[in-house]
Amino acid sequence: MLKKMTITAVISAATLLAATSASIAQTKLKWAHVYETSEPFHTASVWAAQEIAKRTNGRYQIEVYPASQLGKEADINQGLSLGSVDIIISGSSFAAKSFAPIGVTYYPYTFRDADHLLAYTKSDIFKELAKGYEDKSGHHIVAVTYYGVRQTSSNKPIKTCADMKGLKMRVPDVPAYLAMPRACGANTAPIAFAEVYLALQNGTVEAQENPLTTIEAKKFYEVQKHIVLTGHIVDHLNTVIAGALWKKLSDEDKKIFTDVAQEAAAKATGEIKQNETKLVAFFKDKGLTVTEVDKNEFRDTVLKNVAFETFGYRKADWEKIQAVK
């Protein structure tokens, strides 16, 4: 009888332990972005999801939703507050809708190059802006990934800023992205990212701007004739954790999520930098004309015609970024 009771107790304990373990393992999270599965932002996100599961002994299971599966970029940013998504990769231009000053990083010609951008992410001014965003939105930026230098593609040749006058150009509906094209006189159209290829193909717009890696991944080169190296924005993406999730994480888990996100960002950054160097030759091989322009001419036009205050940016922040070494 005693033996039977002991066996029953052991089975009950094992069942309870299994149920508890299963319950712990059932913390499922959604990680969303708008990029293609072939892009480093996605492959690094998948790696991060697997790595977080590994380092937390399966307590967190993260499903990555690429290519706007959970909505456009504005949607997934809203999803952080609505609870429909837990982690996203998105630009500071969208973070600026909650806290305008953080968008200063998208003001044209703010960063000299990728290394200047990465130095900024370790600076006091970055910490100040990220905290301002968190205070306003409740959400926490855990990592920053280099996205590439934004260039222009067009079906019309462009050699100077003035050549863009009247150009029908797709630009994200974000003030900082609009600054350079509008300063040069382009007619901008805020077409959703997922619809840009078709808009270029059917002539709704004649031009767009994105890093070379995105132009290649989205195959915009198939429906464009010119790559113009305007280099107007050294772009980046933030990995953002919803405030509701961040508050629930233990200090140990916060460190795991942060470490993994930053390692993933470093992986993607390395791939992007490597890929960018190869793409000028790739586009030439595809029959496109690649044009170097005088970036100082574009920069001077923007600084002359577009005030920081127009966007809610603080010029002092921009000056601090300029001073980052």
C-alpha atoms as a PDB file:
ATOM      1  CA  MET A   1       0.000   0.000   0.000  1.00  0.00           C
ATOM      2  CA  LEU A   2       2.805   2.380   1.007  1.00  0.00           C
ATOM      3  CA  LYS A   3       4.685   1.491  -2.148  1.00  0.00           C
ATOM      4  CA  LYS A   4       1.576   2.212  -4.237  1.00  0.00           C
ATOM      5  CA  MET A   5       1.118   5.598  -2.529  1.00  0.00           C
ATOM      6  CA  THR A   6       4.768   6.452  -3.106  1.00  0.00           C
ATOM      7  CA  ILE A   7       4.517   5.616  -6.794  1.00  0.00           C
ATOM      8  CA  THR A   8       1.320   7.687  -7.066  1.00  0.00           C
ATOM      9  CA  ALA A   9       3.018  10.635  -5.359  1.00  0.00           C
ATOM     10  CA  VAL A  10       6.015  10.416  -7.691  1.00  0.00           C
ATOM     11  CA  ILE A  11       3.746  10.298 -10.752  1.00  0.00           C
ATOM     12  CA  SER A  12       1.731  13.249  -9.457  1.00  0.00           C
ATOM     13  CA  ALA A  13       4.871  15.241  -8.784  1.00  0.00           C
ATOM     14  CA  ALA A  14       6.252  14.421 -12.219  1.00  0.00           C
ATOM     15  CA  THR A  15       2.948  15.397 -13.845  1.00  0.00           C
ATOM     16  CA  LEU A  16       2.908  18.683 -11.944  1.00  0.00           C
ATOM     17  CA  LEU A  17       6.523  19.386 -12.892  1.00  0.00           C
ATOM     18  CA  ALA A  18       5.802  18.621 -16.548  1.00  0.00           C
ATOM     19  CA  ALA A  19       2.732  20.838 -16.502  1.00  0.00           C
ATOM     20  CA  THR A  20       4.686  23.647 -14.867  1.00  0.00           C
ATOM     21  CA  SER A  21       7.521  23.270 -17.380  1.00  0.00           C
ATOM     22  CA  ALA A  22       5.055  23.278 -20.268  1.00  0.00           C
ATOM     23  CA  SER A  23       3.381  26.360 -18.848  1.00  0.00           C
ATOM     24  CA  ILE A  24       6.712  28.154 -18.573  1.00  0.00           C
ATOM     25  CA  ALA A  25       7.647  27.135 -22.123  1.00  0.00           C
ATOM     26  CA  GLN A  26       4.369  28.486 -23.460  1.00  0.00           C
ATOM     27  CA  THR A  27       5.389  32.154 -23.196  1.00  0.00           C
ATOM     28  CA  LYS A  28       5.051  32.879 -26.896  1.00  0.00           C
ATOM     29  CA  LEU A  29       6.085  36.191 -28.404  1.00  0.00           C
ATOM     30  CA  LYS A  30       5.671  37.843 -31.803  1.00  0.00           C
ATOM     31  CA  TRP A  31       8.617  39.565 -33.506  1.00  0.00           C
ATOM     32  CA  ALA A  32       7.644  41.565 -36.608  1.00  0.00           C
ATOM     33  CA  HIS A  33       9.315  43.520 -39.390  1.00  0.00           C
ATOM     34  CA  VAL A  34       8.645  44.561 -42.994  1.00  0.00           C
ATOM     35  CA  TYR A  35      11.744  43.096 -44.662  1.00  0.00           C
ATOM     36  CA  GLU A  36      12.163  40.122 -46.987  1.00  0.00           C
ATOM     37  CA  THR A  37      13.210  36.712 -45.699  1.00  0.00           C
ATOM     38  CA  SER A  38      16.427  36.943 -47.724  1.00  0.00           C
ATOM     39  CA  GLU A  39      17.581  40.094 -45.930  1.00  0.00           C
ATOM     40  CA  PRO A  40      19.984  40.120 -42.962  1.00  0.00           C
ATOM     41  CA  PHE A  41      17.373  41.829 -40.784  1.00  0.00           C
ATOM     42  CA  HIS A  42      15.243  38.697 -41.037  1.00  0.00           C
ATOM     43  CA  THR A  43      17.942  36.055 -40.781  1.00  0.00           C
ATOM     44  CA  ALA A  44      19.424  37.827 -37.749  1.00  0.00           C
ATOM     45  CA  SER A  45      15.951  38.053 -36.171  1.00  0.00           C
ATOM     46  CA  VAL A  46      15.395  34.323 -36.615  1.00  0.00           C
ATOM     47  CA  TRP A  47      18.809  33.647 -35.082  1.00  0.00           C
ATOM     48  CA  ALA A  48      17.927  35.928 -32.155  1.00  0.00           C
ATOM     49  CA  ALA A  49      14.596  34.174 -31.576  1.00  0.00           C
ATOM     50  CA  GLN A  50      16.321  30.797 -31.449  1.00  0.00           C
ATOM     51  CA  GLU A  51      19.120  32.113 -29.260  1.00  0.00           C
ATOM     52  CA  ILE A  52      16.744  33.663 -26.726  1.00  0.00           C
ATOM     53  CA  ALA A  53      14.891  30.351 -26.503  1.00  0.00           C
ATOM     54  CA  LYS A  54      18.193  28.575 -25.949  1.00  0.00           C
ATOM     55  CA  ARG A  55      19.495  30.984 -23.308  1.00  0.00           C
ATOM     56  CA  THR A  56      16.195  30.974 -21.389  1.00  0.00           C
ATOM     57  CA  ASN A  57      15.864  27.177 -21.503  1.00  0.00           C
ATOM     58  CA  GLY A  58      12.805  27.431 -23.697  1.00  0.00           C
ATOM     59  CA  ARG A  59      10.863  29.794 -21.453  1.00  0.00           C
ATOM     60  CA  TYR A  60      10.354  32.160 -24.388  1.00  0.00           C
ATOM     61  CA  GLN A  61       9.308  30.984 -27.819  1.00  0.00           C
ATOM     62  CA  ILE A  62       9.489  33.739 -30.425  1.00  0.00           C
ATOM     63  CA  GLU A  63       7.870  33.584 -33.842  1.00  0.00           C
ATOM     64  CA  VAL A  64       9.319  35.988 -36.419  1.00  0.00           C
ATOM     65  CA  TYR A  65       6.876  37.525 -38.909  1.00  0.00           C
ATOM     66  CA  PRO A  66       8.712  39.056 -41.916  1.00  0.00           C
ATOM     67  CA  ALA A  67       7.623  41.017 -44.997  1.00  0.00           C
ATOM     68  CA  SER A  68       4.765  43.005 -43.432  1.00  0.00           C
ATOM     69  CA  GLN A  69       2.859  39.851 -42.409  1.00  0.00           C
ATOM     70  CA  LEU A  70       1.596  41.631 -39.290  1.00  0.00           C
ATOM     71  CA  GLY A  71       1.106  44.950 -41.048  1.00  0.00           C
ATOM     72  CA  LYS A  72       2.988  47.870 -42.482  1.00  0.00           C
ATOM     73  CA  GLU A  73       5.653  49.632 -40.457  1.00  0.00           C
ATOM     74  CA  ALA A  74       3.192  52.077 -38.906  1.00  0.00           C
ATOM     75  CA  ASP A  75       0.962  49.120 -37.952  1.00  0.00           C
ATOM     76  CA  ILE A  76       3.641  47.148 -36.151  1.00  0.00           C
ATOM     77  CA  ASN A  77       4.740  50.262 -34.254  1.00  0.00           C
ATOM     78  CA  GLN A  78       1.146  50.697 -33.071  1.00  0.00           C
ATOM     79  CA  GLY A  79       1.080  46.986 -32.313  1.00  0.00           C
ATOM     80  CA  LEU A  80       3.649  47.469 -29.550  1.00  0.00           C
ATOM     81  CA  SER A  81       1.066  49.485 -27.616  1.00  0.00           C
ATOM     82  CA  LEU A  82      -1.947  47.436 -28.686  1.00  0.00           C
ATOM     83  CA  GLY A  83      -0.354  44.156 -27.604  1.00  0.00           C
ATOM     84  CA  SER A  84      -0.537  42.556 -31.048  1.00  0.00           C
ATOM     85  CA  VAL A  85       3.255  42.356 -31.306  1.00  0.00           C
ATOM     86  CA  ASP A  86       6.035  42.112 -28.706  1.00  0.00           C
ATOM     87  CA  ILE A  87       9.245  42.956 -30.558  1.00  0.00           C
ATOM     88  CA  ILE A  88       9.792  44.862 -33.782  1.00  0.00           C
ATOM     89  CA  ILE A  89      12.562  46.119 -36.010  1.00  0.00           C
ATOM     90  CA  SER A  90      11.790  49.628 -37.200  1.00  0.00           C
ATOM     91  CA  GLY A  91      13.431  52.962 -37.918  1.00  0.00           C
ATOM     92  CA  SER A  92      13.818  55.958 -35.640  1.00  0.00           C
ATOM     93  CA  SER A  93      11.609  57.847 -38.069  1.00  0.00           C
ATOM     94  CA  PHE A  94       8.663  55.872 -36.677  1.00  0.00           C
ATOM     95  CA  ALA A  95       9.917  56.198 -33.108  1.00  0.00           C
ATOM     96  CA  ALA A  96       9.839  59.956 -33.760  1.00  0.00           C
ATOM     97  CA  LYS A  97       6.052  59.822 -34.005  1.00  0.00           C
ATOM     98  CA  SER A  98       6.095  59.242 -30.243  1.00  0.00           C
ATOM     99  CA  PHE A  99       9.145  61.387 -29.468  1.00  0.00           C
ATOM    100  CA  ALA A 100      10.028  63.784 -32.268  1.00  0.00           C
ATOM    101  CA  PRO A 101      13.636  64.601 -31.239  1.00  0.00           C
ATOM    102  CA  ILE A 102      14.865  61.032 -31.846  1.00  0.00           C
ATOM    103  CA  GLY A 103      14.074  61.523 -35.531  1.00  0.00           C
ATOM    104  CA  VAL A 104      16.987  63.957 -35.866  1.00  0.00           C
ATOM    105  CA  THR A 105      19.090  60.953 -36.870  1.00  0.00           C
ATOM    106  CA  TYR A 106      17.155  60.916 -40.145  1.00  0.00           C
ATOM    107  CA  TYR A 107      17.860  64.527 -40.962  1.00  0.00           C
ATOM    108  CA  PRO A 108      19.862  64.388 -44.216  1.00  0.00           C
ATOM    109  CA  TYR A 109      23.641  64.289 -43.945  1.00  0.00           C
ATOM    110  CA  THR A 110      23.641  63.864 -40.157  1.00  0.00           C
ATOM    111  CA  PHE A 111      26.077  60.937 -40.179  1.00  0.00           C
ATOM    112  CA  ARG A 112      29.314  60.816 -42.118  1.00  0.00           C
ATOM    113  CA  ASP A 113      29.259  57.041 -42.611  1.00  0.00           C
ATOM    114  CA  ALA A 114      28.364  53.732 -40.969  1.00  0.00           C
ATOM    115  CA  ASP A 115      31.142  53.988 -38.396  1.00  0.00           C
ATOM    116  CA  HIS A 116      29.910  57.426 -37.303  1.00  0.00           C
ATOM    117  CA  LEU A 117      26.408  56.001 -36.887  1.00  0.00           C
ATOM    118  CA  LEU A 118      27.666  53.060 -34.815  1.00  0.00           C
ATOM    119  CA  ALA A 119      29.734  55.406 -32.642  1.00  0.00           C
ATOM    120  CA  TYR A 120      26.571  57.431 -32.032  1.00  0.00           C
ATOM    121  CA  THR A 121      24.770  54.317 -30.692  1.00  0.00           C
ATOM    122  CA  LYS A 122      27.363  54.157 -27.891  1.00  0.00           C
ATOM    123  CA  SER A 123      27.182  57.864 -27.079  1.00  0.00           C
ATOM    124  CA  ASP A 124      25.454  59.843 -24.338  1.00  0.00           C
ATOM    125  CA  ILE A 125      23.263  61.638 -26.891  1.00  0.00           C
ATOM    126  CA  PHE A 126      21.897  58.272 -28.087  1.00  0.00           C
ATOM    127  CA  LYS A 127      21.112  57.253 -24.493  1.00  0.00           C
ATOM    128  CA  GLU A 128      19.356  60.582 -23.951  1.00  0.00           C
ATOM    129  CA  LEU A 129      17.212  60.271 -27.089  1.00  0.00           C
ATOM    130  CA  ALA A 130      16.409  56.582 -26.460  1.00  0.00           C
ATOM    131  CA  LYS A 131      15.300  57.426 -22.919  1.00  0.00           C
ATOM    132  CA  GLY A 132      13.123  60.246 -24.244  1.00  0.00           C
ATOM    133  CA  TYR A 133      11.452  57.776 -26.597  1.00  0.00           C
ATOM    134  CA  GLU A 134      10.923  55.247 -23.806  1.00  0.00           C
ATOM    135  CA  ASP A 135       9.501  57.885 -21.461  1.00  0.00           C
ATOM    136  CA  LYS A 136       6.978  58.940 -24.111  1.00  0.00           C
ATOM    137  CA  SER A 137       6.063  55.578 -25.646  1.00  0.00           C
ATOM    138  CA  GLY A 138       6.786  53.123 -22.848  1.00  0.00           C
ATOM    139  CA  HIS A 139       8.794  50.934 -25.245  1.00  0.00           C
ATOM    140  CA  HIS A 140      12.467  50.034 -24.929  1.00  0.00           C
ATOM    141  CA  ILE A 141      15.133  50.159 -27.644  1.00  0.00           C
ATOM    142  CA  VAL A 142      17.539  47.254 -27.086  1.00  0.00           C
ATOM    143  CA  ALA A 143      19.711  47.392 -30.209  1.00  0.00           C
ATOM    144  CA  VAL A 144      20.510  49.351 -33.359  1.00  0.00           C
ATOM    145  CA  THR A 145      21.314  47.833 -36.752  1.00  0.00           C
ATOM    146  CA  TYR A 146      23.007  49.649 -39.619  1.00  0.00           C
ATOM    147  CA  TYR A 147      20.541  49.709 -42.508  1.00  0.00           C
ATOM    148  CA  GLY A 148      22.722  51.225 -45.182  1.00  0.00           C
ATOM    149  CA  VAL A 149      23.241  54.578 -46.847  1.00  0.00           C
ATOM    150  CA  ARG A 150      20.070  55.747 -48.591  1.00  0.00           C
ATOM    151  CA  GLN A 151      20.617  56.420 -52.281  1.00  0.00           C
ATOM    152  CA  THR A 152      18.236  57.432 -55.074  1.00  0.00           C
ATOM    153  CA  SER A 153      17.007  55.340 -57.995  1.00  0.00           C
ATOM    154  CA  SER A 154      15.227  56.975 -60.912  1.00  0.00           C
ATOM    155  CA  ASN A 155      14.043  56.629 -64.478  1.00  0.00           C
ATOM    156  CA  LYS A 156      15.440  60.091 -65.206  1.00  0.00           C
ATOM    157  CA  PRO A 157      19.121  61.050 -65.001  1.00  0.00           C
ATOM    158  CA  ILE A 158      20.078  63.122 -61.943  1.00  0.00           C
ATOM    159  CA  LYS A 159      23.402  64.907 -61.572  1.00  0.00           C
ATOM    160  CA  THR A 160      22.494  67.887 -59.387  1.00  0.00           C
ATOM    161  CA  CYS A 161      19.896  68.732 -56.770  1.00  0.00           C
ATOM    162  CA  ALA A 162      18.099  70.920 -59.329  1.00  0.00           C
ATOM    163  CA  ASP A 163      17.632  67.889 -61.621  1.00  0.00           C
ATOM    164  CA  MET A 164      15.117  66.534 -59.116  1.00  0.00           C
ATOM    165  CA  LYS A 165      12.711  69.441 -59.621  1.00  0.00           C
ATOM    166  CA  GLY A 166       9.263  68.082 -60.493  1.00  0.00           C
ATOM    167  CA  LEU A 167      10.408  64.451 -60.181  1.00  0.00           C
ATOM    168  CA  LYS A 168       7.603  62.113 -59.039  1.00  0.00           C
ATOM    169  CA  MET A 169       9.343  60.319 -56.195  1.00  0.00           C
ATOM    170  CA  ARG A 170       8.182  57.794 -53.630  1.00  0.00           C
ATOM    171  CA  VAL A 171       9.393  58.686 -50.157  1.00  0.00           C
ATOM    172  CA  PRO A 172       8.148  57.223 -46.831  1.00  0.00           C
ATOM    173  CA  ASP A 173       5.612  59.475 -45.134  1.00  0.00           C
ATOM    174  CA  VAL A 174       8.171  60.606 -42.590  1.00  0.00           C
ATOM    175  CA  PRO A 175       9.293  64.233 -42.380  1.00  0.00           C
ATOM    176  CA  ALA A 176      13.040  63.576 -42.290  1.00  0.00           C
ATOM    177  CA  TYR A 177      12.934  61.365 -45.377  1.00  0.00           C
ATOM    178  CA  LEU A 178      11.054  64.102 -47.213  1.00  0.00           C
ATOM    179  CA  ALA A 179      13.635  66.789 -46.437  1.00  0.00           C
ATOM    180  CA  MET A 180      16.166  66.147 -49.196  1.00  0.00           C
ATOM    181  CA  PRO A 181      13.731  65.466 -52.090  1.00  0.00           C
ATOM    182  CA  ARG A 182      11.543  68.436 -51.211  1.00  0.00           C
ATOM    183  CA  ALA A 183      14.538  70.747 -50.741  1.00  0.00           C
ATOM    184  CA  CYS A 184      15.527  69.772 -54.290  1.00  0.00           C
ATOM    185  CA  GLY A 185      12.006  70.318 -55.640  1.00  0.00           C
ATOM    186  CA  ALA A 186      10.772  66.743 -56.115  1.00  0.00           C
ATOM    187  CA  ASN A 187       7.067  65.901 -55.947  1.00  0.00           C
ATOM    188  CA  THR A 188       6.924  63.245 -53.225  1.00  0.00           C
ATOM    189  CA  ALA A 189       4.359  60.465 -52.814  1.00  0.00           C
ATOM    190  CA  PRO A 190       3.978  58.426 -49.559  1.00  0.00           C
ATOM    191  CA  ILE A 191       3.427  54.982 -51.092  1.00  0.00           C
ATOM    192  CA  ALA A 192       3.598  51.989 -48.722  1.00  0.00           C
ATOM    193  CA  PHE A 193       6.857  50.050 -48.848  1.00  0.00           C
ATOM    194  CA  ALA A 194       5.170  46.858 -50.049  1.00  0.00           C
ATOM    195  CA  GLU A 195       3.666  48.713 -53.023  1.00  0.00           C
ATOM    196  CA  VAL A 196       6.750  50.567 -54.290  1.00  0.00           C
ATOM    197  CA  TYR A 197       7.763  48.060 -56.985  1.00  0.00           C
ATOM    198  CA  LEU A 198       4.361  48.227 -58.670  1.00  0.00           C
ATOM    199  CA  ALA A 199       4.247  52.025 -58.412  1.00  0.00           C
ATOM    200  CA  LEU A 200       7.620  52.269 -60.164  1.00  0.00           C
ATOM    201  CA  GLN A 201       6.594  49.688 -62.746  1.00  0.00           C
ATOM    202  CA  ASN A 202       3.352  51.399 -63.730  1.00  0.00           C
ATOM    203  CA  GLY A 203       4.762  54.931 -63.638  1.00  0.00           C
ATOM    204  CA  THR A 204       2.816  56.182 -60.629  1.00  0.00           C
ATOM    205  CA  VAL A 205       6.213  57.428 -59.492  1.00  0.00           C
ATOM    206  CA  GLU A 206       9.502  57.776 -61.377  1.00  0.00           C
ATOM    207  CA  ALA A 207      11.940  57.450 -58.521  1.00  0.00           C
ATOM    208  CA  GLN A 208      12.444  56.281 -54.937  1.00  0.00           C
ATOM    209  CA  GLU A 209      15.189  56.276 -52.314  1.00  0.00           C
ATOM    210  CA  ASN A 210      16.581  53.412 -50.248  1.00  0.00           C
ATOM    211  CA  PRO A 211      19.912  51.758 -49.442  1.00  0.00           C
ATOM    212  CA  LEU A 212      21.472  49.778 -52.290  1.00  0.00           C
ATOM    213  CA  THR A 213      20.830  46.556 -50.385  1.00  0.00           C
ATOM    214  CA  THR A 214      17.084  47.289 -50.305  1.00  0.00           C
ATOM    215  CA  ILE A 215      17.030  48.306 -53.970  1.00  0.00           C
ATOM    216  CA  GLU A 216      18.565  44.914 -54.735  1.00  0.00           C
ATOM    217  CA  ALA A 217      16.409  42.874 -52.309  1.00  0.00           C
ATOM    218  CA  LYS A 218      13.155  44.461 -53.503  1.00  0.00           C
ATOM    219  CA  LYS A 219      14.300  44.243 -57.143  1.00  0.00           C
ATOM    220  CA  PHE A 220      13.607  47.927 -57.765  1.00  0.00           C
ATOM    221  CA  TYR A 221      16.497  47.836 -60.235  1.00  0.00           C
ATOM    222  CA  GLU A 222      14.225  45.873 -62.584  1.00  0.00           C
ATOM    223  CA  VAL A 223      11.986  48.932 -63.023  1.00  0.00           C
ATOM    224  CA  GLN A 224      14.565  51.746 -62.792  1.00  0.00           C
ATOM    225  CA  LYS A 225      17.276  53.032 -65.142  1.00  0.00           C
ATOM    226  CA  HIS A 226      19.545  55.048 -62.861  1.00  0.00           C
ATOM    227  CA  ILE A 227      21.199  54.678 -59.467  1.00  0.00           C
ATOM    228  CA  VAL A 228      22.170  58.085 -58.111  1.00  0.00           C
ATOM    229  CA  LEU A 229      24.582  58.031 -55.160  1.00  0.00           C
ATOM    230  CA  THR A 230      23.046  60.892 -53.196  1.00  0.00           C
ATOM    231  CA  GLY A 231      24.064  59.264 -49.891  1.00  0.00           C
ATOM    232  CA  HIS A 232      21.616  61.544 -48.108  1.00  0.00           C
ATOM    233  CA  ILE A 233      20.855  59.455 -45.008  1.00  0.00           C
ATOM    234  CA  VAL A 234      23.003  56.912 -43.190  1.00  0.00           C
ATOM    235  CA  ASP A 235      20.095  54.773 -42.084  1.00  0.00           C
ATOM    236  CA  HIS A 236      19.489  52.436 -39.173  1.00  0.00           C
ATOM    237  CA  LEU A 237      16.835  50.265 -37.567  1.00  0.00           C
ATOM    238  CA  ASN A 238      15.985  49.872 -33.901  1.00  0.00           C
ATOM    239  CA  THR A 239      15.074  46.624 -32.223  1.00  0.00           C
ATOM    240  CA  VAL A 240      12.252  47.662 -29.895  1.00  0.00           C
ATOM    241  CA  ILE A 241      10.626  45.643 -27.122  1.00  0.00           C
ATOM    242  CA  ALA A 242       7.061  46.499 -26.104  1.00  0.00           C
ATOM    243  CA  GLY A 243       6.877  48.193 -22.733  1.00  0.00           C
ATOM    244  CA  ALA A 244       4.408  45.617 -21.408  1.00  0.00           C
ATOM    245  CA  LEU A 245       6.888  42.805 -22.103  1.00  0.00           C
ATOM    246  CA  TRP A 246       9.951  44.738 -20.932  1.00  0.00           C
ATOM    247  CA  LYS A 247       8.348  45.424 -17.539  1.00  0.00           C
ATOM    248  CA  LYS A 248       7.579  41.734 -17.048  1.00  0.00           C
ATOM    249  CA  LEU A 249      11.106  40.536 -17.762  1.00  0.00           C
ATOM    250  CA  SER A 250      13.389  39.775 -14.836  1.00  0.00           C
ATOM    251  CA  ASP A 251      16.730  41.590 -14.738  1.00  0.00           C
ATOM    252  CA  GLU A 252      18.379  38.363 -15.887  1.00  0.00           C
ATOM    253  CA  ASP A 253      16.019  38.008 -18.842  1.00  0.00           C
ATOM    254  CA  LYS A 254      16.390  41.687 -19.737  1.00  0.00           C
ATOM    255  CA  LYS A 255      20.116  41.098 -20.035  1.00  0.00           C
ATOM    256  CA  ILE A 256      19.578  38.017 -22.204  1.00  0.00           C
ATOM    257  CA  PHE A 257      17.175  39.829 -24.552  1.00  0.00           C
ATOM    258  CA  THR A 258      19.513  42.826 -24.767  1.00  0.00           C
ATOM    259  CA  ASP A 259      22.684  40.791 -25.327  1.00  0.00           C
ATOM    260  CA  VAL A 260      21.075  38.640 -28.017  1.00  0.00           C
ATOM    261  CA  ALA A 261      19.452  41.602 -29.797  1.00  0.00           C
ATOM    262  CA  GLN A 262      22.772  43.432 -29.896  1.00  0.00           C
ATOM    263  CA  GLU A 263      24.615  40.368 -31.158  1.00  0.00           C
ATOM    264  CA  ALA A 264      21.975  39.931 -33.870  1.00  0.00           C
ATOM    265  CA  ALA A 265      22.277  43.613 -34.809  1.00  0.00           C
ATOM    266  CA  ALA A 266      26.048  43.235 -35.128  1.00  0.00           C
ATOM    267  CA  LYS A 267      25.596  40.208 -37.391  1.00  0.00           C
ATOM    268  CA  ALA A 268      23.177  42.035 -39.697  1.00  0.00           C
ATOM    269  CA  THR A 269      25.323  45.174 -39.692  1.00  0.00           C
ATOM    270  CA  GLY A 270      28.361  43.212 -40.832  1.00  0.00           C
ATOM    271  CA  GLU A 271      26.417  41.621 -43.684  1.00  0.00           C
ATOM    272  CA  ILE A 272      24.935  44.936 -44.805  1.00  0.00           C
ATOM    273  CA  LYS A 273      28.313  46.666 -44.885  1.00  0.00           C
ATOM    274  CA  GLN A 274      29.784  43.789 -46.871  1.00  0.00           C
ATOM    275  CA  ASN A 275      26.880  43.631 -49.323  1.00  0.00           C
ATOM    276  CA  GLU A 276      26.852  47.374 -49.976  1.00  0.00           C
ATOM    277  CA  THR A 277      30.398  47.325 -51.290  1.00  0.00           C
ATOM    278  CA  LYS A 278      29.462  44.834 -54.017  1.00  0.00           C
ATOM    279  CA  LEU A 279      26.267  46.378 -55.314  1.00  0.00           C
ATOM    280  CA  VAL A 280      27.519  49.247 -57.488  1.00  0.00           C
ATOM    281  CA  ALA A 281      29.108  46.674 -59.805  1.00  0.00           C
ATOM    282  CA  PHE A 282      25.955  44.538 -59.612  1.00  0.00           C
ATOM    283  CA  PHE A 283      23.716  47.379 -60.806  1.00  0.00           C
ATOM    284  CA  LYS A 284      26.113  48.287 -63.606  1.00  0.00           C
ATOM    285  CA  ASP A 285      26.044  44.666 -64.722  1.00  0.00           C
ATOM    286  CA  LYS A 286      22.232  44.881 -64.801  1.00  0.00           C
ATOM    287  CA  GLY A 287      22.490  47.761 -67.252  1.00  0.00           C
ATOM    288  CA  LEU A 288      21.749  50.663 -64.910  1.00  0.00           C
ATOM    289  CA  THR A 289      23.686  53.915 -65.008  1.00  0.00           C
ATOM    290  CA  VAL A 290      25.366  54.666 -61.668  1.00  0.00           C
ATOM    291  CA  THR A 291      26.012  58.367 -61.067  1.00  0.00           C
ATOM    292  CA  GLU A 292      28.196  59.999 -58.413  1.00  0.00           C
ATOM    293  CA  VAL A 293      26.958  63.431 -57.334  1.00  0.00           C
ATOM    294  CA  ASP A 294      28.422  66.290 -55.326  1.00  0.00           C
ATOM    295  CA  LYS A 295      26.914  65.465 -51.931  1.00  0.00           C
ATOM    296  CA  ASN A 296      28.055  68.783 -50.506  1.00  0.00           C
ATOM    297  CA  GLU A 297      25.799  70.563 -53.002  1.00  0.00           C
ATOM    298  CA  PHE A 298      22.828  68.469 -51.882  1.00  0.00           C
ATOM    299  CA  ARG A 299      23.749  68.941 -48.208  1.00  0.00           C
ATOM    300  CA  ASP A 300      24.067  72.716 -48.537  1.00  0.00           C
ATOM    301  CA  THR A 301      20.684  72.928 -50.270  1.00  0.00           C
ATOM    302  CA  VAL A 302      18.997  70.961 -47.492  1.00  0.00           C
ATOM    303  CA  LEU A 303      20.624  72.968 -44.692  1.00  0.00           C
ATOM    304  CA  LYS A 304      19.656  76.200 -46.430  1.00  0.00           C
ATOM    305  CA  ASN A 305      16.038  75.280 -47.129  1.00  0.00           C
ATOM    306  CA  VAL A 306      14.885  72.943 -44.340  1.00  0.00           C
ATOM    307  CA  ALA A 307      14.812  74.049 -40.699  1.00  0.00           C
ATOM    308  CA  PHE A 308      15.229  71.513 -37.890  1.00  0.00           C
ATOM    309  CA  GLU A 309      12.259  73.028 -36.100  1.00  0.00           C
ATOM    310  CA  THR A 310      10.018  72.058 -39.026  1.00  0.00           C
ATOM    311  CA  PHE A 311      10.211  68.451 -37.794  1.00  0.00           C
ATOM    312  CA  GLY A 312      10.310  69.042 -34.049  1.00  0.00           C
ATOM    313  CA  TYR A 313      14.027  68.263 -33.952  1.00  0.00           C
ATOM    314  CA  ARG A 314      16.460  70.072 -31.692  1.00  0.00           C
ATOM    315  CA  LYS A 315      19.456  71.521 -33.497  1.00  0.00           C
ATOM    316  CA  ALA A 316      21.517  71.025 -30.331  1.00  0.00           C
ATOM    317  CA  ASP A 317      20.998  67.248 -30.638  1.00  0.00           C
ATOM    318  CA  TRP A 318      22.178  67.323 -34.264  1.00  0.00           C
ATOM    319  CA  GLU A 319      25.278  69.272 -33.221  1.00  0.00           C
ATOM    320  CA  LYS A 320      26.037  66.743 -30.483  1.00  0.00           C
ATOM    321  CA  ILE A 321      25.832  63.941 -33.039  1.00  0.00           C
ATOM    322  CA  GLN A 322      28.161  65.845 -35.362  1.00  0.00           C
ATOM    323  CA  ALA A 323      30.700  65.937 -32.528  1.00  0.00           C
ATOM    324  CA  VAL A 324      30.609  62.161 -31.906  1.00  0.00           C
ATOM    325  CA  LYS A 325      33.905  60.538 -32.906  1.00  0.00           C
END
